[in-house]
N, C-alpha and C. Protein backbone atom coordinates (compact mmCIF):
# COMPACT_ATOMS: atom_id res chain seq x y z
N MET A 1 -121.21 109.60 -0.57
CA MET A 1 -122.56 109.02 -0.75
C MET A 1 -123.67 110.11 -1.26
N ALA A 2 -123.33 111.28 -0.21
CA ALA A 2 -124.82 112.24 -0.65
C ALA A 2 -124.75 112.79 -1.99
N ASP A 3 -123.28 113.21 -2.45
CA ASP A 3 -123.43 113.67 -3.90
C ASP A 3 -123.74 113.24 -4.87
N TYR A 4 -123.24 111.37 -4.58
CA TYR A 4 -123.95 110.71 -5.75
C TYR A 4 -125.73 110.54 -5.83
N LEU A 5 -126.07 110.37 -4.56
CA LEU A 5 -127.56 110.43 -4.57
C LEU A 5 -128.09 111.50 -5.29
N ASP A 6 -127.56 112.77 -5.21
CA ASP A 6 -128.13 114.19 -5.37
C ASP A 6 -127.85 114.56 -6.65
N ALA A 7 -126.71 113.58 -7.52
CA ALA A 7 -126.59 113.87 -8.83
C ALA A 7 -127.72 113.87 -9.53
N GLU A 8 -127.81 114.71 -10.55
CA GLU A 8 -129.11 114.53 -11.70
C GLU A 8 -128.82 113.29 -12.66
N VAL A 9 -129.77 112.99 -13.28
CA VAL A 9 -129.40 111.94 -14.58
C VAL A 9 -129.83 112.95 -15.48
N GLY A 10 -129.04 112.22 -16.74
CA GLY A 10 -129.31 112.92 -17.82
C GLY A 10 -128.22 114.05 -18.08
N LEU A 11 -128.54 115.38 -19.28
CA LEU A 11 -127.93 116.54 -19.24
C LEU A 11 -128.73 118.10 -19.25
N GLY A 12 -127.91 118.39 -18.96
CA GLY A 12 -128.62 119.45 -18.75
C GLY A 12 -129.07 120.54 -20.25
N PRO A 13 -129.72 121.75 -20.43
CA PRO A 13 -129.69 122.65 -21.45
C PRO A 13 -128.17 122.41 -22.36
N HIS A 14 -128.78 122.05 -24.00
CA HIS A 14 -127.68 122.15 -24.27
C HIS A 14 -127.00 123.42 -25.01
N PRO A 15 -125.74 123.51 -24.93
CA PRO A 15 -125.15 125.19 -25.35
C PRO A 15 -125.09 125.61 -26.53
N LEU A 16 -125.35 126.81 -26.87
CA LEU A 16 -125.62 126.84 -28.40
C LEU A 16 -124.04 127.06 -28.87
N PRO A 17 -124.31 126.46 -30.06
CA PRO A 17 -125.05 126.51 -31.28
C PRO A 17 -125.79 124.98 -30.98
N TRP A 18 -126.93 124.84 -31.09
CA TRP A 18 -127.59 123.44 -31.16
C TRP A 18 -127.26 122.97 -32.44
N PRO A 19 -127.05 121.60 -32.13
CA PRO A 19 -126.88 120.42 -32.78
C PRO A 19 -128.12 120.43 -34.39
N GLN A 20 -127.86 120.15 -35.63
CA GLN A 20 -128.62 119.90 -36.68
C GLN A 20 -129.61 119.13 -37.02
N GLY A 21 -130.60 118.61 -37.19
CA GLY A 21 -131.34 117.74 -37.37
C GLY A 21 -132.80 117.25 -36.91
N ASP A 22 -133.53 116.85 -37.61
CA ASP A 22 -135.40 116.73 -37.76
C ASP A 22 -135.35 115.61 -36.61
N HIS A 23 -133.93 114.85 -35.62
CA HIS A 23 -134.48 114.10 -35.13
C HIS A 23 -134.32 114.91 -33.58
N TYR A 24 -133.84 116.14 -33.48
CA TYR A 24 -133.50 116.60 -32.43
C TYR A 24 -134.81 117.41 -31.98
N ASP A 25 -135.36 117.13 -30.46
CA ASP A 25 -136.32 117.91 -30.39
C ASP A 25 -135.88 119.41 -29.12
N PRO A 26 -136.57 120.45 -30.27
CA PRO A 26 -136.22 121.83 -29.53
C PRO A 26 -136.40 122.17 -28.13
N GLU A 27 -137.45 121.46 -27.51
CA GLU A 27 -137.32 121.77 -25.90
C GLU A 27 -136.07 121.02 -25.14
N LEU A 28 -136.07 119.77 -25.50
CA LEU A 28 -135.14 118.98 -24.86
C LEU A 28 -133.35 119.38 -25.24
N LEU A 29 -133.54 120.41 -26.36
CA LEU A 29 -132.22 121.24 -25.81
C LEU A 29 -132.22 121.86 -25.33
N ARG A 30 -133.28 122.81 -25.50
CA ARG A 30 -133.62 124.15 -24.65
C ARG A 30 -133.51 123.79 -23.05
N ASP A 31 -134.00 122.44 -22.48
CA ASP A 31 -134.75 122.53 -20.89
C ASP A 31 -133.66 121.57 -20.64
N GLY A 32 -133.14 121.05 -21.49
CA GLY A 32 -131.99 119.58 -21.06
C GLY A 32 -133.03 118.18 -21.08
N ASP A 33 -132.41 117.21 -21.07
CA ASP A 33 -132.71 115.82 -21.58
C ASP A 33 -132.68 115.13 -20.31
N ARG A 34 -133.43 114.63 -19.06
CA ARG A 34 -133.26 113.56 -18.02
C ARG A 34 -134.09 112.42 -18.06
N ARG A 35 -134.23 112.01 -19.11
CA ARG A 35 -135.08 110.91 -19.56
C ARG A 35 -134.19 109.75 -19.53
N ASN A 36 -134.63 108.63 -18.86
CA ASN A 36 -133.49 107.22 -19.02
C ASN A 36 -133.58 106.69 -20.66
N VAL A 37 -132.84 107.29 -20.65
CA VAL A 37 -132.13 106.61 -22.46
C VAL A 37 -130.82 106.90 -22.66
N LEU A 38 -129.99 105.93 -23.77
CA LEU A 38 -128.83 105.91 -23.73
C LEU A 38 -128.14 107.27 -24.06
N ASP A 39 -127.22 107.83 -23.69
CA ASP A 39 -126.16 109.09 -24.18
C ASP A 39 -126.61 109.58 -25.78
N THR A 40 -126.49 108.09 -26.08
CA THR A 40 -126.56 108.11 -28.20
C THR A 40 -128.01 109.30 -27.84
N TYR A 41 -128.87 109.00 -27.33
CA TYR A 41 -130.23 109.67 -27.86
C TYR A 41 -130.41 110.56 -27.09
N ARG A 42 -129.38 110.98 -26.25
CA ARG A 42 -129.96 112.85 -25.59
C ARG A 42 -130.39 113.47 -26.60
N TYR A 43 -131.41 114.22 -26.51
CA TYR A 43 -132.18 115.79 -26.96
C TYR A 43 -132.81 115.09 -28.14
N TRP A 44 -132.93 113.58 -27.97
CA TRP A 44 -133.88 112.96 -29.52
C TRP A 44 -135.61 113.44 -28.81
N ARG A 45 -136.21 113.06 -30.35
CA ARG A 45 -137.62 113.22 -30.24
C ARG A 45 -137.65 111.78 -29.92
N ARG A 46 -138.81 111.42 -29.29
CA ARG A 46 -139.32 109.56 -28.77
C ARG A 46 -139.30 109.04 -29.97
N GLU A 47 -140.55 109.85 -31.25
CA GLU A 47 -140.46 109.15 -32.63
C GLU A 47 -139.07 108.80 -33.12
N ALA A 48 -138.12 109.67 -32.84
CA ALA A 48 -136.61 109.52 -33.76
C ALA A 48 -136.34 107.93 -32.79
N ILE A 49 -136.45 108.30 -31.72
CA ILE A 49 -136.00 107.20 -31.31
C ILE A 49 -136.06 105.58 -31.66
N VAL A 50 -137.67 105.62 -31.35
CA VAL A 50 -138.60 104.39 -31.82
C VAL A 50 -138.14 104.65 -33.44
N ALA A 51 -137.82 105.18 -34.22
CA ALA A 51 -137.61 104.65 -35.60
C ALA A 51 -136.30 104.14 -35.85
N ASP A 52 -135.77 104.65 -34.44
CA ASP A 52 -133.91 104.33 -34.58
C ASP A 52 -133.99 102.79 -34.52
N LEU A 53 -134.91 102.56 -33.24
CA LEU A 53 -134.87 101.34 -32.87
C LEU A 53 -135.51 100.34 -33.80
N ASP A 54 -136.11 101.18 -34.23
CA ASP A 54 -137.31 99.77 -35.36
C ASP A 54 -136.48 99.44 -36.84
N SER A 55 -135.09 100.24 -36.70
CA SER A 55 -134.75 99.82 -37.82
C SER A 55 -133.61 98.79 -37.98
N ARG A 56 -133.48 98.42 -36.54
CA ARG A 56 -132.46 97.20 -36.32
C ARG A 56 -132.84 96.57 -34.87
N ARG A 57 -134.26 96.24 -34.85
CA ARG A 57 -134.48 95.13 -33.64
C ARG A 57 -134.50 93.75 -34.34
N HIS A 58 -134.33 93.21 -32.96
CA HIS A 58 -134.11 91.39 -33.21
C HIS A 58 -135.95 90.85 -33.61
N PRO A 59 -135.88 89.74 -34.21
CA PRO A 59 -136.84 89.34 -34.98
C PRO A 59 -137.86 88.38 -33.83
N PHE A 60 -136.90 88.45 -32.25
CA PHE A 60 -138.30 87.59 -31.29
C PHE A 60 -138.88 88.36 -30.81
N HIS A 61 -140.07 87.80 -29.92
CA HIS A 61 -141.25 88.94 -29.70
C HIS A 61 -140.94 88.26 -27.97
N VAL A 62 -141.83 88.74 -26.79
CA VAL A 62 -141.87 88.57 -25.75
C VAL A 62 -143.41 88.56 -25.35
N ALA A 63 -144.12 87.48 -24.75
CA ALA A 63 -145.20 87.33 -24.52
C ALA A 63 -145.18 87.22 -23.12
N ILE A 64 -146.55 87.76 -22.26
CA ILE A 64 -146.71 87.28 -20.76
C ILE A 64 -148.40 87.61 -20.41
N GLU A 65 -149.19 86.42 -19.50
CA GLU A 65 -150.14 86.46 -19.48
C GLU A 65 -150.42 87.12 -18.19
N ASN A 66 -151.82 87.93 -17.99
CA ASN A 66 -151.94 88.82 -17.36
C ASN A 66 -153.59 88.75 -16.87
N TRP A 67 -154.01 87.71 -16.10
CA TRP A 67 -155.41 86.89 -15.69
C TRP A 67 -155.52 87.87 -14.64
N GLN A 68 -154.32 88.13 -13.56
CA GLN A 68 -154.61 88.70 -12.32
C GLN A 68 -153.55 90.13 -12.29
N HIS A 69 -153.30 91.08 -12.85
CA HIS A 69 -152.96 92.36 -12.88
C HIS A 69 -151.64 91.68 -12.82
N ASP A 70 -151.12 90.96 -13.47
CA ASP A 70 -149.29 90.52 -12.72
C ASP A 70 -148.51 91.82 -12.79
N LEU A 71 -147.64 91.71 -11.30
CA LEU A 71 -146.65 92.69 -11.43
C LEU A 71 -145.87 93.15 -12.10
N ASN A 72 -145.07 91.84 -12.82
CA ASN A 72 -144.13 91.25 -13.30
C ASN A 72 -143.83 92.14 -14.71
N ILE A 73 -144.93 92.72 -15.07
CA ILE A 73 -145.06 93.12 -16.98
C ILE A 73 -143.81 93.96 -17.02
N GLY A 74 -143.81 95.10 -16.09
CA GLY A 74 -143.16 96.02 -16.19
C GLY A 74 -141.87 95.80 -16.18
N THR A 75 -141.22 95.15 -15.74
CA THR A 75 -139.94 94.59 -16.05
C THR A 75 -139.92 93.55 -16.81
N VAL A 76 -140.57 92.72 -17.33
CA VAL A 76 -140.20 92.14 -18.62
C VAL A 76 -140.49 93.31 -19.70
N VAL A 77 -141.30 94.17 -20.12
CA VAL A 77 -141.03 95.22 -21.22
C VAL A 77 -139.59 96.17 -20.83
N ARG A 78 -139.28 96.13 -19.52
CA ARG A 78 -138.22 96.86 -19.71
C ARG A 78 -137.15 96.11 -20.24
N ASN A 79 -136.95 95.25 -19.65
CA ASN A 79 -136.25 93.74 -20.31
C ASN A 79 -136.24 93.46 -22.05
N ALA A 80 -137.57 93.58 -22.27
CA ALA A 80 -137.37 93.50 -23.54
C ALA A 80 -137.05 94.99 -24.52
N ASN A 81 -136.93 95.91 -24.01
CA ASN A 81 -136.29 97.29 -24.78
C ASN A 81 -134.85 97.10 -24.12
N ALA A 82 -134.58 96.21 -23.16
CA ALA A 82 -132.80 96.32 -23.16
C ALA A 82 -132.50 95.62 -24.15
N PHE A 83 -133.15 94.24 -24.51
CA PHE A 83 -132.80 93.35 -25.52
C PHE A 83 -133.32 93.42 -26.77
N LEU A 84 -134.01 94.68 -27.24
CA LEU A 84 -134.17 95.14 -28.33
C LEU A 84 -135.08 94.20 -29.02
N ALA A 85 -136.03 93.44 -28.25
CA ALA A 85 -137.20 92.52 -28.78
C ALA A 85 -137.99 93.39 -29.92
N SER A 86 -138.90 92.85 -30.93
CA SER A 86 -139.55 92.92 -31.68
C SER A 86 -140.97 93.89 -30.89
N ALA A 87 -141.79 92.84 -29.93
CA ALA A 87 -142.68 93.36 -29.21
C ALA A 87 -143.21 92.96 -28.02
N VAL A 88 -143.79 93.60 -27.26
CA VAL A 88 -144.21 92.85 -26.04
C VAL A 88 -145.82 92.12 -26.29
N HIS A 89 -146.64 91.24 -26.05
CA HIS A 89 -147.80 90.71 -26.43
C HIS A 89 -148.29 90.94 -24.57
N ILE A 90 -149.40 91.31 -24.39
CA ILE A 90 -150.07 91.13 -23.33
C ILE A 90 -151.11 90.24 -23.68
N VAL A 91 -151.41 89.07 -23.24
CA VAL A 91 -152.34 88.37 -23.03
C VAL A 91 -152.94 87.94 -21.50
N GLY A 92 -154.69 88.40 -22.23
CA GLY A 92 -155.37 88.64 -21.47
C GLY A 92 -156.16 90.22 -20.96
N GLN A 93 -155.76 90.77 -19.36
CA GLN A 93 -156.48 91.67 -19.23
C GLN A 93 -155.26 93.19 -19.98
N ARG A 94 -155.79 93.99 -20.36
CA ARG A 94 -155.67 95.09 -20.89
C ARG A 94 -154.49 95.92 -20.14
N LYS A 95 -154.97 96.15 -18.95
CA LYS A 95 -154.45 96.93 -18.08
C LYS A 95 -153.44 96.28 -17.39
N TRP A 96 -152.44 96.89 -16.72
CA TRP A 96 -150.93 96.23 -15.92
C TRP A 96 -150.10 97.64 -15.75
N ASN A 97 -149.73 96.81 -14.37
CA ASN A 97 -149.06 98.09 -13.76
C ASN A 97 -147.77 98.62 -14.64
N ARG A 98 -147.36 99.78 -14.94
CA ARG A 98 -146.89 100.43 -15.94
C ARG A 98 -145.10 100.88 -15.07
N ARG A 99 -145.37 100.81 -13.92
CA ARG A 99 -144.20 101.47 -12.98
C ARG A 99 -142.90 100.54 -12.98
N GLY A 100 -142.73 99.52 -13.02
CA GLY A 100 -141.99 98.35 -13.17
C GLY A 100 -140.99 99.05 -14.69
N ALA A 101 -141.66 99.61 -15.62
CA ALA A 101 -141.09 99.36 -16.97
C ALA A 101 -140.27 100.83 -17.13
N MET A 102 -140.18 101.30 -15.91
CA MET A 102 -139.40 102.64 -15.82
C MET A 102 -139.70 103.63 -17.43
N VAL A 103 -140.52 104.06 -17.75
CA VAL A 103 -141.07 104.66 -19.12
C VAL A 103 -140.31 103.93 -20.44
N THR A 104 -139.71 102.62 -20.32
CA THR A 104 -139.09 101.98 -21.57
C THR A 104 -140.19 101.44 -22.34
N ASP A 105 -141.63 101.36 -21.70
CA ASP A 105 -142.79 101.11 -22.87
C ASP A 105 -143.17 102.35 -23.78
N ARG A 106 -142.43 103.16 -23.68
CA ARG A 106 -142.61 104.64 -24.36
C ARG A 106 -141.93 103.98 -26.11
N TYR A 107 -140.79 103.52 -25.57
CA TYR A 107 -140.04 103.05 -26.83
C TYR A 107 -140.00 101.35 -27.25
N GLN A 108 -141.22 100.78 -27.26
CA GLN A 108 -141.13 99.64 -26.65
C GLN A 108 -142.94 99.34 -27.70
N HIS A 109 -142.76 98.38 -28.86
CA HIS A 109 -144.05 98.21 -29.12
C HIS A 109 -144.75 97.37 -28.30
N LEU A 110 -146.01 97.34 -28.13
CA LEU A 110 -146.74 96.51 -27.26
C LEU A 110 -148.29 95.81 -28.03
N GLU A 111 -148.52 95.13 -27.99
CA GLU A 111 -149.60 94.37 -28.36
C GLU A 111 -150.59 93.57 -27.30
N HIS A 112 -151.82 94.07 -27.71
CA HIS A 112 -152.69 93.16 -26.35
C HIS A 112 -153.63 92.27 -27.04
N HIS A 113 -153.69 91.17 -26.42
CA HIS A 113 -154.88 89.79 -27.05
C HIS A 113 -155.50 89.45 -25.89
N PRO A 114 -156.94 89.99 -26.03
CA PRO A 114 -157.95 89.43 -25.13
C PRO A 114 -157.60 87.53 -24.41
N THR A 115 -157.31 87.02 -25.25
CA THR A 115 -157.21 85.49 -25.41
C THR A 115 -155.97 84.91 -26.38
N VAL A 116 -156.19 83.67 -25.32
CA VAL A 116 -154.59 82.78 -25.53
C VAL A 116 -155.37 82.84 -27.17
N GLU A 117 -155.91 81.98 -27.40
CA GLU A 117 -156.88 82.00 -28.88
C GLU A 117 -156.26 82.75 -29.88
N ASP A 118 -156.61 84.30 -29.32
CA ASP A 118 -156.16 85.34 -30.11
C ASP A 118 -155.07 85.58 -30.52
N PHE A 119 -154.27 85.20 -29.17
CA PHE A 119 -152.50 85.68 -29.21
C PHE A 119 -151.93 84.46 -30.39
N VAL A 120 -152.08 83.09 -29.97
CA VAL A 120 -151.68 82.33 -30.91
C VAL A 120 -152.20 82.11 -32.09
N GLY A 121 -153.35 82.68 -32.76
CA GLY A 121 -153.79 83.13 -34.25
C GLY A 121 -152.97 84.23 -34.59
N SER A 122 -152.90 85.53 -33.67
CA SER A 122 -152.01 86.03 -34.31
C SER A 122 -150.27 85.44 -34.49
N MET A 123 -149.71 85.30 -33.68
CA MET A 123 -148.44 83.98 -33.72
C MET A 123 -148.13 83.41 -35.28
N ALA A 124 -149.78 82.84 -35.55
CA ALA A 124 -149.55 81.96 -36.57
C ALA A 124 -149.86 82.25 -38.00
N ASP A 125 -150.33 83.88 -38.18
CA ASP A 125 -150.50 84.61 -39.43
C ASP A 125 -149.05 85.04 -39.39
N ARG A 126 -148.39 85.06 -38.41
CA ARG A 126 -146.77 86.35 -38.97
C ARG A 126 -145.66 84.90 -38.84
N ASP A 127 -146.24 83.73 -39.03
CA ASP A 127 -145.23 82.81 -38.92
C ASP A 127 -144.19 82.98 -37.82
N ILE A 128 -144.53 82.74 -36.54
CA ILE A 128 -143.87 83.17 -35.33
C ILE A 128 -144.01 82.14 -34.18
N LEU A 129 -142.77 81.43 -34.13
CA LEU A 129 -143.06 80.12 -33.41
C LEU A 129 -143.28 80.94 -31.94
N VAL A 130 -144.28 79.75 -31.16
CA VAL A 130 -144.68 79.88 -29.71
C VAL A 130 -143.68 79.06 -28.92
N VAL A 131 -143.63 79.69 -27.89
CA VAL A 131 -141.90 78.74 -27.09
C VAL A 131 -142.68 79.33 -25.70
N GLY A 132 -143.04 78.19 -25.10
CA GLY A 132 -143.11 78.71 -23.72
C GLY A 132 -141.96 78.24 -22.64
N VAL A 133 -142.17 79.18 -21.76
CA VAL A 133 -140.69 79.25 -20.36
C VAL A 133 -141.42 78.75 -19.41
N ASP A 134 -141.19 78.15 -18.43
CA ASP A 134 -141.95 77.55 -17.42
C ASP A 134 -141.13 75.92 -16.86
N ASN A 135 -140.79 75.81 -15.77
CA ASN A 135 -140.24 74.97 -14.65
C ASN A 135 -141.29 73.51 -15.05
N LEU A 136 -141.50 73.36 -16.02
CA LEU A 136 -142.80 71.89 -16.22
C LEU A 136 -141.96 70.87 -16.57
N PRO A 137 -142.64 69.57 -16.17
CA PRO A 137 -142.24 68.55 -16.45
C PRO A 137 -141.70 67.71 -17.93
N GLY A 138 -141.09 67.39 -18.44
CA GLY A 138 -140.40 67.73 -19.78
C GLY A 138 -140.33 68.92 -20.40
N ALA A 139 -140.00 69.89 -19.68
CA ALA A 139 -139.42 71.01 -20.44
C ALA A 139 -138.01 70.70 -20.62
N GLN A 140 -137.66 71.02 -22.00
CA GLN A 140 -135.98 71.39 -22.10
C GLN A 140 -135.52 72.59 -21.55
N PRO A 141 -133.87 72.43 -20.95
CA PRO A 141 -133.32 72.81 -20.30
C PRO A 141 -132.94 74.32 -21.37
N ILE A 142 -133.55 75.37 -21.34
CA ILE A 142 -132.95 76.49 -21.96
C ILE A 142 -131.41 76.58 -22.34
N GLU A 143 -130.56 76.72 -21.20
CA GLU A 143 -129.20 76.56 -21.53
C GLU A 143 -128.70 75.47 -22.75
N THR A 144 -129.70 74.09 -22.91
CA THR A 144 -128.37 73.55 -24.08
C THR A 144 -129.59 73.33 -25.12
N THR A 145 -130.86 74.05 -25.42
CA THR A 145 -131.45 74.10 -26.27
C THR A 145 -131.48 75.21 -27.42
N ALA A 146 -131.52 75.03 -29.06
CA ALA A 146 -131.07 75.87 -29.46
C ALA A 146 -132.76 76.61 -29.64
N LEU A 147 -132.73 77.89 -29.66
CA LEU A 147 -134.10 78.25 -29.63
C LEU A 147 -134.56 78.86 -31.11
N PRO A 148 -135.62 78.88 -31.66
CA PRO A 148 -135.91 79.34 -32.69
C PRO A 148 -135.65 80.85 -32.77
N ARG A 149 -134.92 81.46 -34.25
CA ARG A 149 -134.57 82.71 -34.60
C ARG A 149 -136.14 83.37 -34.46
N LYS A 150 -136.85 83.37 -34.98
CA LYS A 150 -138.18 83.79 -34.97
C LYS A 150 -139.30 83.56 -34.44
N CYS A 151 -139.51 83.89 -33.28
CA CYS A 151 -140.57 83.37 -32.16
C CYS A 151 -140.59 84.31 -31.32
N VAL A 152 -141.61 83.55 -30.23
CA VAL A 152 -142.29 84.37 -29.00
C VAL A 152 -142.24 83.68 -27.86
N LEU A 153 -141.17 83.98 -26.56
CA LEU A 153 -140.80 83.49 -25.77
C LEU A 153 -142.13 84.40 -24.77
N VAL A 154 -142.68 83.00 -24.27
CA VAL A 154 -144.07 83.15 -23.75
C VAL A 154 -143.58 83.07 -22.01
N PHE A 155 -144.50 83.91 -20.98
CA PHE A 155 -144.07 83.72 -19.86
C PHE A 155 -145.32 84.01 -18.91
N GLY A 156 -145.63 82.85 -17.93
CA GLY A 156 -147.28 82.77 -17.49
C GLY A 156 -147.34 83.44 -16.45
N GLN A 157 -148.38 83.77 -15.78
CA GLN A 157 -149.11 84.57 -14.59
C GLN A 157 -147.90 83.63 -13.44
N GLU A 158 -147.73 84.70 -12.70
CA GLU A 158 -146.70 84.53 -11.50
C GLU A 158 -148.09 83.77 -10.65
N GLY A 159 -147.30 82.76 -9.77
CA GLY A 159 -147.65 81.80 -9.05
C GLY A 159 -148.00 80.22 -10.04
N PRO A 160 -149.15 80.45 -10.65
CA PRO A 160 -149.53 79.23 -11.70
C PRO A 160 -149.10 78.89 -12.88
N GLY A 161 -148.27 79.86 -13.28
CA GLY A 161 -147.37 79.86 -14.41
C GLY A 161 -148.07 79.52 -15.56
N LEU A 162 -147.69 79.00 -16.80
CA LEU A 162 -148.10 79.13 -18.07
C LEU A 162 -149.31 78.61 -17.93
N SER A 163 -150.24 79.05 -18.84
CA SER A 163 -152.00 78.50 -18.72
C SER A 163 -151.85 77.00 -19.16
N PRO A 164 -152.72 76.52 -19.45
CA PRO A 164 -152.92 75.03 -20.11
C PRO A 164 -153.31 75.15 -21.10
N GLU A 165 -153.99 76.33 -21.98
CA GLU A 165 -153.71 76.86 -23.01
C GLU A 165 -152.82 77.12 -24.14
N VAL A 166 -151.45 77.88 -23.36
CA VAL A 166 -150.55 78.22 -23.73
C VAL A 166 -149.59 76.89 -23.93
N ARG A 167 -149.70 75.98 -22.97
CA ARG A 167 -148.79 75.03 -22.92
C ARG A 167 -149.13 73.76 -24.44
N GLU A 168 -150.41 74.04 -24.35
CA GLU A 168 -150.71 73.33 -25.38
C GLU A 168 -150.99 74.04 -26.79
N SER A 169 -150.18 75.19 -26.94
CA SER A 169 -150.27 75.65 -28.12
C SER A 169 -148.88 75.93 -28.54
N ALA A 170 -148.12 75.55 -27.57
CA ALA A 170 -146.45 75.82 -28.07
C ALA A 170 -145.60 74.84 -28.50
N GLU A 171 -145.11 75.36 -29.42
CA GLU A 171 -143.70 74.61 -30.41
C GLU A 171 -143.42 73.61 -29.04
N LEU A 172 -142.66 74.17 -28.38
CA LEU A 172 -141.30 74.29 -27.26
C LEU A 172 -141.50 74.63 -25.81
N VAL A 173 -141.44 74.09 -25.14
CA VAL A 173 -141.72 74.50 -23.42
C VAL A 173 -139.89 74.32 -22.99
N LEU A 174 -139.39 74.95 -22.43
CA LEU A 174 -138.34 75.55 -21.55
C LEU A 174 -138.50 75.71 -20.32
N SER A 175 -137.04 75.80 -19.40
CA SER A 175 -137.23 75.35 -18.33
C SER A 175 -135.67 75.98 -17.75
N ILE A 176 -135.84 76.82 -17.04
CA ILE A 176 -134.56 77.59 -16.30
C ILE A 176 -133.92 76.90 -15.29
N THR A 177 -133.00 75.78 -15.64
CA THR A 177 -132.18 75.16 -14.23
C THR A 177 -132.11 75.88 -12.96
N GLN A 178 -132.51 75.62 -11.94
CA GLN A 178 -132.32 76.52 -10.81
C GLN A 178 -131.49 75.73 -9.53
N PHE A 179 -130.71 75.98 -8.40
CA PHE A 179 -129.90 74.90 -7.70
C PHE A 179 -130.46 75.38 -6.53
N GLY A 180 -131.16 75.93 -6.22
CA GLY A 180 -131.48 76.43 -4.69
C GLY A 180 -132.77 75.85 -4.38
N SER A 181 -133.78 76.32 -3.40
CA SER A 181 -134.34 75.53 -2.30
C SER A 181 -136.24 76.08 -3.13
N THR A 182 -135.97 77.38 -3.76
CA THR A 182 -136.99 77.89 -4.26
C THR A 182 -137.49 77.07 -5.78
N ARG A 183 -138.68 76.78 -5.71
CA ARG A 183 -139.67 76.61 -7.04
C ARG A 183 -139.46 76.74 -7.87
N SER A 184 -139.52 78.17 -8.33
CA SER A 184 -139.66 79.05 -9.21
C SER A 184 -138.57 80.30 -8.74
N ILE A 185 -138.46 81.69 -10.16
CA ILE A 185 -138.25 82.52 -10.11
C ILE A 185 -139.36 83.29 -10.44
N ASN A 186 -139.69 84.40 -10.64
CA ASN A 186 -140.77 85.44 -11.29
C ASN A 186 -140.03 85.97 -12.52
N ALA A 187 -141.21 86.07 -13.44
CA ALA A 187 -141.35 86.16 -14.88
C ALA A 187 -140.65 87.33 -15.17
N GLY A 188 -140.16 88.17 -14.60
CA GLY A 188 -139.62 89.41 -14.65
C GLY A 188 -137.80 88.44 -14.62
N VAL A 189 -137.58 87.70 -13.56
CA VAL A 189 -136.45 87.57 -13.72
C VAL A 189 -136.19 86.39 -14.78
N ALA A 190 -136.99 85.41 -15.20
CA ALA A 190 -137.20 84.71 -15.93
C ALA A 190 -136.70 85.02 -17.22
N SER A 191 -137.74 86.42 -17.60
CA SER A 191 -138.22 86.94 -18.89
C SER A 191 -136.53 86.94 -19.48
N GLY A 192 -135.57 87.89 -18.62
CA GLY A 192 -134.45 88.57 -18.54
C GLY A 192 -133.49 87.60 -18.80
N ILE A 193 -133.51 86.12 -18.45
CA ILE A 193 -132.65 85.09 -18.59
C ILE A 193 -132.51 84.37 -20.36
N ALA A 194 -133.95 84.48 -20.12
CA ALA A 194 -134.52 83.67 -21.76
C ALA A 194 -133.95 84.61 -22.91
N MET A 195 -134.43 86.17 -22.60
CA MET A 195 -134.12 87.07 -23.50
C MET A 195 -132.34 86.77 -24.13
N HIS A 196 -131.63 86.93 -22.66
CA HIS A 196 -130.53 86.87 -23.35
C HIS A 196 -129.86 85.89 -23.84
N THR A 197 -130.24 84.86 -23.44
CA THR A 197 -130.29 83.50 -24.23
C THR A 197 -130.37 83.42 -25.50
N TRP A 198 -131.67 84.17 -26.01
CA TRP A 198 -131.51 84.18 -27.27
C TRP A 198 -130.44 85.35 -28.12
N ILE A 199 -130.46 86.17 -27.44
CA ILE A 199 -129.25 87.00 -27.75
C ILE A 199 -128.00 86.58 -27.97
N ARG A 200 -127.57 85.88 -27.01
CA ARG A 200 -126.36 84.75 -27.08
C ARG A 200 -126.20 83.83 -27.82
N GLN A 201 -127.45 83.52 -28.70
CA GLN A 201 -127.19 82.53 -29.56
C GLN A 201 -127.35 82.94 -31.36
N HIS A 202 -128.23 84.20 -31.25
CA HIS A 202 -128.50 84.62 -32.63
C HIS A 202 -127.85 86.57 -32.65
N ALA A 203 -127.06 87.03 -31.85
CA ALA A 203 -127.03 88.18 -31.76
C ALA A 203 -125.54 88.58 -31.51
N ILE A 204 -125.03 87.92 -30.71
CA ILE A 204 -123.35 87.80 -30.50
C ILE A 204 -123.00 87.43 -31.08
C-alpha cells in the first residue's frame, strides 16, 4: 500500500530524442509531466490540448447557479470536462471555489452571467434550450425523457435548488429518481448523472 501511495502521477522527463511537433511543450519534455491529463496529452502544451478538445466537444452546455459560493461548482466543472461539454456557465457570483475542479478548469470553457436574465438571453441568442435539473413537482424523470441535443443543463444552488427565475425560463425540468430517505442529492453528483444521461442518448 505504501508503494502505491508514494507513486508519482504522470511521467518523468522524456528520453532523447524528443518527439517533434508544435503541440509539445519543451519544458514538460525536459522536466516531466505530472498533470491530471490523459496519457494521450502527456507533454502537450495546454493550448494544444484545449484546441484538440474544441475540435470534438459535444453540443450540450452546463450551468450552475452561484448565489452563495456553492462548493459543488468545482465538481460540476470537473464532470463537464470529463464528458466534454461545450462550456460551463456560472450564474450569479463570479468567484467560486476551484479546488474541486482539480485543475480541469484550465481545459474547460467557462462563462459568467451575473443574472438569470443575462444567462437566459445568452442561451436564446445561441438557440440553446434551457433544461433545469431538480426534483420539483411535475418534473419529468431524466431516465425516461429524451434530452434535447443542443441544450444547457442547469443546476441550482445547494439547498434551495433552482431559483424561481430559472424554473420559469426552462423549456423542460428533469428529476433524478431516488430510492433512499434523503430528499435530494448534491449538484455535483446530479450533474454527473445528467451529463452521462445526455452522453448515453447522443454520443454512444
